[in-house]
Amino acid sequence: MQSLLPLALFLLFTGAAAGSFLALCAERLPHGEGVVLRSSRCRACGARIRWRDLVPVISWLRLGGGCRGCGAAIPRWLFHAELGGVALAATAILVAPTPAIMALGALWLWLLMGLALCDLVAMRLPDALTGALFVTGLALGVQGPGAAPALIGAGVGAGCFLAIRLGYEGLRGREGLGMGDVKLIAGIGAALGWAALPLVALIAALGALAITLLLHRGSVARDAEIPFGAYLCGAAALVWILSGSVAA
C-alpha cells in the first residue's frame, strides 16, 4: 500500500486542477474557443484573471466565488467541478487494483466528467474529449481483459449507437442521437467491454427519464432535447466503480 501512496497523493492534488481544466473545456470547447493559449478572463468585465486567482478550490474560496475586479459571481458549477475532480481521484484510488488502473481510471473518470459538463452546458460532446476518452478507455481496457475485448467493446458500442442514430433518423426524419454520443460510447465500451454496455445504457435511460419527469413534474415536452451523453457518462462511471468494488 505504501508503494501506492505517492501516486495516490499525486492524483488527489491533480484532481482539483483536472476538474478546473475540464470545467474550462466545458465552457469553451463547445463554442470553438481555445483552452490552452487563450488567457482566462472574467465574462462580466473582461478583466484578465491572474494566476493567483486560478488556484483550484483555494482561489474560489478566497474570493468568495466572485471576480476580483468587478465582483461578478463565478458560476458555482466551476467550483463543484474542482471538488468533483478530487472526489473522482479518491474513488479511483479506492477501487483500482493496480497503479496503472488507478492512474488510467482517474483520467477516464475525469474525462467522463468533462464530457458530461459539456453536454449539460452546451448539448455538445467535443471531439477532443471523446477522442481522449477513447484512447484512455482503450488503455484501461488493455490493463483489464486485453486489447481484443477493448476493441470489440468499442466497436460494438459505436456500431449499435450508429445503427440507432440512422434508424431513428430514417423513421422520424430528424436526428435523435448525435455523433458525439456514438463516439462517447466507443470510449465507454473500450474501457468496460461490450457486456457492460446494456447495463450502462439502461442506467442512463432510467436516470434521464427520472430526472426529466422530475424537472417537468410529470409532463415531458415531446420534442425536448435531453443531454443523454451526460447520463451515459454518469452511468459508465457508476458501472466502472461498482465493478472495481466487486473485484476488490
Foldseek 3Di string as FASTA:
>chain_A
DVVCVVVLVVQLQCLLVLLLLLLQCLVAVVVVHDRPPDFDADPPPRHGDDPVCSRGPVNCVVLVQADPPPRHGHPVVSNVSSVVSNVLLVLLVVQPPDSVLSVLSSVLLSLLVSQLSNCVVPVDRDPVSLVVLQVSLLSLLCVPPHNVQLQQQLVVQLVVQVVVQVVCCVVVVDGDDDNSNSSNSSSLRSNPGNVCVVQLLVQLVVVQVVVQCVVVVNDHDPPDDTSSSSSSSVSSSVVVSVVSNVVD
